[in-house]
Amino acid sequence: MYEDLWTGAKAMYKVEPVVTDEGEVIIYAPHITEFSFTHGRVIEEIGYHVRGYFVAQWDRFESVPWVVLAHSTHLKGIGSYVDGVETTRIRVSLASSISPERCAAVNLTYRDPETIDPAEFAGREDEGILMLPRAGETLYRLESARP
């Protein structure tokens, strides 16, 4: 339902709170061809990383627009960057018309959208699989996390 990953990233950061550690969010959007129509060049330069990656190397990234850094970290999610090693809590996979090479170049996992049938994910909550057709519209939280 979004034209580029800039807005399609909502599918990740709005569901991240309900994804288990070491889980995966697959952004299934075969129609998406660009990371961002406005900021794509910058995203392709810096990639997608956890916040600590940028903070630990602030001298290198201080001139990057903060809105792009925020987008990058929102899509990559919670994680750490310690001793030059980046670790994410969950894996973000992109099943779009963006090539595997371009995904790898920005630190995203590629999934071939031709091999995915969204209907095969539906109704499998008992297996720990949640399929959300319009994931970017609602912010999800675990019931146990509410005050």
C-alpha atoms as a PDB file:
ATOM      1  CA  MET A   1       0.000   0.000   0.000  1.00  0.00           C
ATOM      2  CA  TYR A   2       3.084   2.260   0.061  1.00  0.00           C
ATOM      3  CA  GLU A   3       5.076   3.422  -2.958  1.00  0.00           C
ATOM      4  CA  ASP A   4       8.583   3.127  -1.508  1.00  0.00           C
ATOM      5  CA  LEU A   5      10.288   1.625   1.519  1.00  0.00           C
ATOM      6  CA  TRP A   6      10.490   5.049   3.157  1.00  0.00           C
ATOM      7  CA  THR A   7       6.786   4.760   3.997  1.00  0.00           C
ATOM      8  CA  GLY A   8       6.630   0.969   3.726  1.00  0.00           C
ATOM      9  CA  ALA A   9       9.031   0.764   6.675  1.00  0.00           C
ATOM     10  CA  LYS A  10       5.985   1.324   8.875  1.00  0.00           C
ATOM     11  CA  ALA A  11       5.295  -2.372   8.318  1.00  0.00           C
ATOM     12  CA  MET A  12       8.364  -3.108  10.452  1.00  0.00           C
ATOM     13  CA  TYR A  13       8.502  -0.565  13.188  1.00  0.00           C
ATOM     14  CA  LYS A  14       4.797  -0.743  13.994  1.00  0.00           C
ATOM     15  CA  VAL A  15       4.916  -4.533  14.477  1.00  0.00           C
ATOM     16  CA  GLU A  16       8.387  -4.852  16.029  1.00  0.00           C
ATOM     17  CA  PRO A  17       7.029  -4.776  19.607  1.00  0.00           C
ATOM     18  CA  VAL A  18       5.140  -8.061  19.061  1.00  0.00           C
ATOM     19  CA  VAL A  19       7.935  -9.954  17.299  1.00  0.00           C
ATOM     20  CA  THR A  20       9.889 -12.426  19.412  1.00  0.00           C
ATOM     21  CA  ASP A  21      13.639 -12.151  19.818  1.00  0.00           C
ATOM     22  CA  GLU A  22      15.394 -13.623  16.760  1.00  0.00           C
ATOM     23  CA  GLY A  23      12.099 -13.467  14.847  1.00  0.00           C
ATOM     24  CA  GLU A  24      11.643 -12.094  11.367  1.00  0.00           C
ATOM     25  CA  VAL A  25       9.524  -9.390   9.798  1.00  0.00           C
ATOM     26  CA  ILE A  26       8.980  -9.902   6.089  1.00  0.00           C
ATOM     27  CA  ILE A  27       7.897  -6.766   4.298  1.00  0.00           C
ATOM     28  CA  TYR A  28       6.006  -8.231   1.365  1.00  0.00           C
ATOM     29  CA  ALA A  29       5.668  -5.476  -1.198  1.00  0.00           C
ATOM     30  CA  PRO A  30       6.437  -6.761  -4.715  1.00  0.00           C
ATOM     31  CA  HIS A  31       5.479  -3.400  -6.210  1.00  0.00           C
ATOM     32  CA  ILE A  32       8.148  -1.406  -4.328  1.00  0.00           C
ATOM     33  CA  THR A  33      11.135  -0.548  -6.525  1.00  0.00           C
ATOM     34  CA  GLU A  34      12.935   2.088  -4.429  1.00  0.00           C
ATOM     35  CA  PHE A  35      14.132   2.601  -0.871  1.00  0.00           C
ATOM     36  CA  SER A  36      13.030   6.231  -1.035  1.00  0.00           C
ATOM     37  CA  PHE A  37      12.167   8.498  -3.919  1.00  0.00           C
ATOM     38  CA  THR A  38      13.394  11.483  -1.899  1.00  0.00           C
ATOM     39  CA  HIS A  39      16.263  10.127   0.205  1.00  0.00           C
ATOM     40  CA  GLY A  40      17.274   7.004  -1.719  1.00  0.00           C
ATOM     41  CA  ARG A  41      20.775   8.181  -2.591  1.00  0.00           C
ATOM     42  CA  VAL A  42      21.606   8.855   1.057  1.00  0.00           C
ATOM     43  CA  ILE A  43      20.091   5.562   2.219  1.00  0.00           C
ATOM     44  CA  GLU A  44      22.181   3.710  -0.353  1.00  0.00           C
ATOM     45  CA  GLU A  45      25.277   5.459   1.035  1.00  0.00           C
ATOM     46  CA  ILE A  46      24.654   4.736   4.732  1.00  0.00           C
ATOM     47  CA  GLY A  47      22.493   1.581   4.704  1.00  0.00           C
ATOM     48  CA  TYR A  48      20.131   0.335   7.383  1.00  0.00           C
ATOM     49  CA  HIS A  49      21.620  -0.064  10.850  1.00  0.00           C
ATOM     50  CA  VAL A  50      20.813  -0.061  14.545  1.00  0.00           C
ATOM     51  CA  ARG A  51      21.154   3.213  16.417  1.00  0.00           C
ATOM     52  CA  GLY A  52      24.416   2.220  18.110  1.00  0.00           C
ATOM     53  CA  TYR A  53      26.100   1.765  14.731  1.00  0.00           C
ATOM     54  CA  PHE A  54      25.650   5.463  13.956  1.00  0.00           C
ATOM     55  CA  VAL A  55      26.334   6.720  17.483  1.00  0.00           C
ATOM     56  CA  ALA A  56      29.628   4.792  17.703  1.00  0.00           C
ATOM     57  CA  GLN A  57      30.759   6.394  14.437  1.00  0.00           C
ATOM     58  CA  TRP A  58      29.195   9.819  14.857  1.00  0.00           C
ATOM     59  CA  ASP A  59      32.078  11.665  13.180  1.00  0.00           C
ATOM     60  CA  ARG A  60      31.352   9.667  10.019  1.00  0.00           C
ATOM     61  CA  PHE A  61      27.579  10.235  10.060  1.00  0.00           C
ATOM     62  CA  GLU A  62      27.057  13.623  11.721  1.00  0.00           C
ATOM     63  CA  SER A  63      26.370  15.349   8.385  1.00  0.00           C
ATOM     64  CA  VAL A  64      23.662  12.867   7.361  1.00  0.00           C
ATOM     65  CA  PRO A  65      20.162  14.321   7.749  1.00  0.00           C
ATOM     66  CA  TRP A  66      18.747  13.090  11.055  1.00  0.00           C
ATOM     67  CA  VAL A  67      15.479  12.124   9.402  1.00  0.00           C
ATOM     68  CA  VAL A  68      17.385   9.599   7.254  1.00  0.00           C
ATOM     69  CA  LEU A  69      19.282   8.233  10.252  1.00  0.00           C
ATOM     70  CA  ALA A  70      15.988   7.854  12.123  1.00  0.00           C
ATOM     71  CA  HIS A  71      14.390   6.047   9.180  1.00  0.00           C
ATOM     72  CA  SER A  72      17.383   3.718   8.939  1.00  0.00           C
ATOM     73  CA  THR A  73      17.253   2.780  12.612  1.00  0.00           C
ATOM     74  CA  HIS A  74      13.456   2.455  12.673  1.00  0.00           C
ATOM     75  CA  LEU A  75      13.569  -0.067   9.847  1.00  0.00           C
ATOM     76  CA  LYS A  76      16.485  -2.051  11.295  1.00  0.00           C
ATOM     77  CA  GLY A  77      15.001  -2.055  14.785  1.00  0.00           C
ATOM     78  CA  ILE A  78      16.414  -2.617  18.219  1.00  0.00           C
ATOM     79  CA  GLY A  79      19.937  -3.942  18.461  1.00  0.00           C
ATOM     80  CA  SER A  80      23.473  -3.182  19.499  1.00  0.00           C
ATOM     81  CA  TYR A  81      26.838  -2.267  18.044  1.00  0.00           C
ATOM     82  CA  VAL A  82      29.713  -3.439  20.236  1.00  0.00           C
ATOM     83  CA  ASP A  83      33.360  -3.730  19.249  1.00  0.00           C
ATOM     84  CA  GLY A  84      32.492  -3.240  15.578  1.00  0.00           C
ATOM     85  CA  VAL A  85      29.811  -5.954  15.550  1.00  0.00           C
ATOM     86  CA  GLU A  86      26.213  -5.062  14.797  1.00  0.00           C
ATOM     87  CA  THR A  87      23.532  -7.315  16.278  1.00  0.00           C
ATOM     88  CA  THR A  88      19.810  -6.949  15.701  1.00  0.00           C
ATOM     89  CA  ARG A  89      17.013  -8.292  17.877  1.00  0.00           C
ATOM     90  CA  ILE A  90      15.037  -9.427  14.827  1.00  0.00           C
ATOM     91  CA  ARG A  91      15.709  -9.914  11.122  1.00  0.00           C
ATOM     92  CA  VAL A  92      14.063  -7.603   8.589  1.00  0.00           C
ATOM     93  CA  SER A  93      13.550  -9.155   5.165  1.00  0.00           C
ATOM     94  CA  LEU A  94      12.385  -7.282   2.111  1.00  0.00           C
ATOM     95  CA  ALA A  95      10.304  -9.106  -0.509  1.00  0.00           C
ATOM     96  CA  SER A  96      10.046  -6.442  -3.179  1.00  0.00           C
ATOM     97  CA  SER A  97      11.220  -5.545  -6.670  1.00  0.00           C
ATOM     98  CA  ILE A  98      14.448  -4.207  -5.180  1.00  0.00           C
ATOM     99  CA  SER A  99      17.203  -6.619  -6.213  1.00  0.00           C
ATOM    100  CA  PRO A 100      19.047  -8.937  -3.820  1.00  0.00           C
ATOM    101  CA  GLU A 101      22.247  -7.003  -4.547  1.00  0.00           C
ATOM    102  CA  ARG A 102      20.716  -3.645  -3.630  1.00  0.00           C
ATOM    103  CA  CYS A 103      19.208  -5.126  -0.452  1.00  0.00           C
ATOM    104  CA  ALA A 104      22.562  -6.598   0.588  1.00  0.00           C
ATOM    105  CA  ALA A 105      24.304  -3.284  -0.127  1.00  0.00           C
ATOM    106  CA  VAL A 106      22.073  -1.519   2.437  1.00  0.00           C
ATOM    107  CA  ASN A 107      22.231  -4.322   5.019  1.00  0.00           C
ATOM    108  CA  LEU A 108      18.768  -5.851   4.430  1.00  0.00           C
ATOM    109  CA  THR A 109      17.850  -9.481   3.902  1.00  0.00           C
ATOM    110  CA  TYR A 110      16.243 -10.187   0.517  1.00  0.00           C
ATOM    111  CA  ARG A 111      13.305 -12.543   0.042  1.00  0.00           C
ATOM    112  CA  ASP A 112      12.103 -13.378  -3.462  1.00  0.00           C
ATOM    113  CA  PRO A 113       8.473 -12.185  -3.587  1.00  0.00           C
ATOM    114  CA  GLU A 114       7.735 -14.785  -6.272  1.00  0.00           C
ATOM    115  CA  THR A 115       8.290 -17.525  -3.685  1.00  0.00           C
ATOM    116  CA  ILE A 116       5.894 -16.043  -1.138  1.00  0.00           C
ATOM    117  CA  ASP A 117       2.162 -16.655  -1.005  1.00  0.00           C
ATOM    118  CA  PRO A 118       0.824 -14.401   1.762  1.00  0.00           C
ATOM    119  CA  ALA A 119      -2.186 -16.682   2.217  1.00  0.00           C
ATOM    120  CA  GLU A 120       0.182 -19.403   3.464  1.00  0.00           C
ATOM    121  CA  PHE A 121       1.005 -17.224   6.483  1.00  0.00           C
ATOM    122  CA  ALA A 122      -2.615 -16.502   7.480  1.00  0.00           C
ATOM    123  CA  GLY A 123      -4.204 -18.199  10.475  1.00  0.00           C
ATOM    124  CA  ARG A 124      -0.969 -19.572  11.911  1.00  0.00           C
ATOM    125  CA  GLU A 125      -0.815 -17.606  15.157  1.00  0.00           C
ATOM    126  CA  ASP A 126      -0.629 -20.854  17.177  1.00  0.00           C
ATOM    127  CA  GLU A 127       2.656 -21.553  15.359  1.00  0.00           C
ATOM    128  CA  GLY A 128       4.017 -18.119  16.236  1.00  0.00           C
ATOM    129  CA  ILE A 129       3.396 -16.729  12.748  1.00  0.00           C
ATOM    130  CA  LEU A 130       1.375 -13.539  12.403  1.00  0.00           C
ATOM    131  CA  MET A 131       0.317 -12.211   9.018  1.00  0.00           C
ATOM    132  CA  LEU A 132      -0.817  -8.598   8.966  1.00  0.00           C
ATOM    133  CA  PRO A 133      -2.134  -7.495   5.566  1.00  0.00           C
ATOM    134  CA  ARG A 134      -1.928  -3.755   6.343  1.00  0.00           C
ATOM    135  CA  ALA A 135       0.807  -3.811   8.966  1.00  0.00           C
ATOM    136  CA  GLY A 136       1.774  -0.154   8.611  1.00  0.00           C
ATOM    137  CA  GLU A 137      -1.613   1.156   9.722  1.00  0.00           C
ATOM    138  CA  THR A 138      -1.611   0.050  13.370  1.00  0.00           C
ATOM    139  CA  LEU A 139       0.955   0.208  16.135  1.00  0.00           C
ATOM    140  CA  TYR A 140       1.045  -3.167  17.879  1.00  0.00           C
ATOM    141  CA  ARG A 141       1.894  -3.801  21.540  1.00  0.00           C
ATOM    142  CA  LEU A 142       1.877  -6.922  23.664  1.00  0.00           C
ATOM    143  CA  GLU A 143      -0.918  -6.966  26.202  1.00  0.00           C
ATOM    144  CA  SER A 144       1.634  -7.774  28.932  1.00  0.00           C
ATOM    145  CA  ALA A 145       3.605  -4.615  28.076  1.00  0.00           C
ATOM    146  CA  ARG A 146       0.740  -2.255  28.840  1.00  0.00           C
ATOM    147  CA  PRO A 147       0.934  -0.237  32.079  1.00  0.00           C
END
